[in-house]
Amino acid sequence: MKIDKVSSGHVPQSSLQQASNKPLETPTRPAPVEPQVSVNTAAIEQAQKDMSSLPDVDMAKVDAIRNALHRGELSLDMKALSQAVMKFHTGRE
């Protein structure tokens, strides 16, 4: 099969317009199905209420660790800590 160049790039408009007697149909989507959840919502609500009353950070533990580091009871590997922080924040866990 041989394909020749068309002498002009113009395509007559009449050949592009094709009348259709059939009306356009809008696609119908099935109604969304609500997921069936069988959980104890009262237990979840109670747990959320209990959690909201707790502090975000346990400052007593923070103070205990800070004091232990200060007294030399714990050693801190700054290189390992910085690598762990970088892995966490760059998403390379």
Protein backbone atom coordinates (compact mmCIF):
# COMPACT_ATOMS: atom_id res chain seq x y z
CA MET A 1 0.00 0.00 0.00
CA LYS A 2 1.39 3.35 -1.02
CA ILE A 3 0.56 6.57 0.80
CA ASP A 4 0.97 9.72 -1.23
CA LYS A 5 1.13 13.26 0.10
CA VAL A 6 -2.07 15.20 -0.19
CA SER A 7 -1.61 18.21 -2.43
CA SER A 8 -3.33 20.52 0.02
CA GLY A 9 -3.79 20.22 3.74
CA HIS A 10 -7.30 21.57 3.53
CA VAL A 11 -10.12 19.10 4.09
CA PRO A 12 -13.51 20.28 2.89
CA GLN A 13 -15.81 21.05 5.79
CA SER A 14 -18.71 19.25 4.19
CA SER A 15 -16.90 15.95 4.57
CA LEU A 16 -16.41 16.53 8.30
CA GLN A 17 -20.02 17.27 9.10
CA GLN A 18 -21.96 14.07 9.35
CA ALA A 19 -25.53 14.50 10.40
CA SER A 20 -26.84 11.92 12.79
CA ASN A 21 -30.52 11.35 13.28
CA LYS A 22 -29.87 9.43 16.48
CA PRO A 23 -30.00 11.64 19.60
CA LEU A 24 -27.03 11.51 21.92
CA GLU A 25 -27.51 9.26 24.90
CA THR A 26 -26.23 10.27 28.27
CA PRO A 27 -24.55 7.40 30.05
CA THR A 28 -26.31 6.28 33.17
CA ARG A 29 -24.36 5.34 36.24
CA PRO A 30 -25.58 2.84 38.75
CA ALA A 31 -26.45 4.26 42.13
CA PRO A 32 -23.48 4.17 44.51
CA VAL A 33 -23.63 1.36 47.00
CA GLU A 34 -23.11 2.39 50.58
CA PRO A 35 -20.59 0.13 52.32
CA GLN A 36 -21.97 -1.97 55.11
CA VAL A 37 -19.99 -1.24 58.26
CA SER A 38 -20.62 -3.39 61.25
CA VAL A 39 -18.63 -1.82 64.05
CA ASN A 40 -19.53 -0.76 67.49
CA THR A 41 -19.73 3.01 67.02
CA ALA A 42 -20.32 3.57 70.71
CA ALA A 43 -16.96 1.94 71.50
CA ILE A 44 -15.21 4.06 68.88
CA GLU A 45 -16.80 7.24 70.18
CA GLN A 46 -15.76 6.37 73.74
CA ALA A 47 -12.19 5.63 72.63
CA GLN A 48 -12.01 8.95 70.76
CA LYS A 49 -13.31 10.77 73.82
CA ASP A 50 -10.75 9.04 76.05
CA MET A 51 -7.93 9.82 73.62
CA SER A 52 -8.92 13.48 73.35
CA SER A 53 -8.46 13.86 77.11
CA LEU A 54 -4.88 12.55 76.95
CA PRO A 55 -1.98 14.92 76.30
CA ASP A 56 -0.17 14.65 72.96
CA VAL A 57 3.20 14.18 74.69
CA ASP A 58 3.88 12.42 77.98
CA MET A 59 6.03 15.13 79.56
CA ALA A 60 6.87 12.95 82.57
CA LYS A 61 8.61 10.46 80.27
CA VAL A 62 10.33 13.27 78.38
CA ASP A 63 11.67 14.68 81.65
CA ALA A 64 12.81 11.22 82.84
CA ILE A 65 14.72 10.60 79.61
CA ARG A 66 16.20 14.11 79.62
CA ASN A 67 17.41 13.63 83.21
CA ALA A 68 18.84 10.18 82.44
CA LEU A 69 20.76 11.63 79.48
CA HIS A 70 22.03 14.47 81.65
CA ARG A 71 23.22 12.05 84.36
CA GLY A 72 24.94 9.89 81.74
CA GLU A 73 22.70 6.88 82.33
CA LEU A 74 21.74 6.82 78.65
CA SER A 75 23.99 7.36 75.69
CA LEU A 76 22.79 9.09 72.57
CA ASP A 77 24.19 8.19 69.17
CA MET A 78 23.66 11.46 67.31
CA LYS A 79 24.65 9.92 63.96
CA ALA A 80 22.09 7.11 64.26
CA LEU A 81 19.44 9.58 65.44
CA SER A 82 20.06 11.97 62.55
CA GLN A 83 19.96 9.08 60.03
CA ALA A 84 16.66 7.87 61.48
CA VAL A 85 15.18 11.37 61.31
CA MET A 86 16.31 11.77 57.68
CA LYS A 87 14.89 8.36 56.72
CA PHE A 88 11.58 9.21 58.33
CA HIS A 89 11.22 12.65 56.76
CA THR A 90 12.40 11.65 53.28
CA GLY A 91 10.16 8.60 53.10
CA ARG A 92 13.02 6.13 52.76
CA GLU A 93 12.05 3.81 55.55
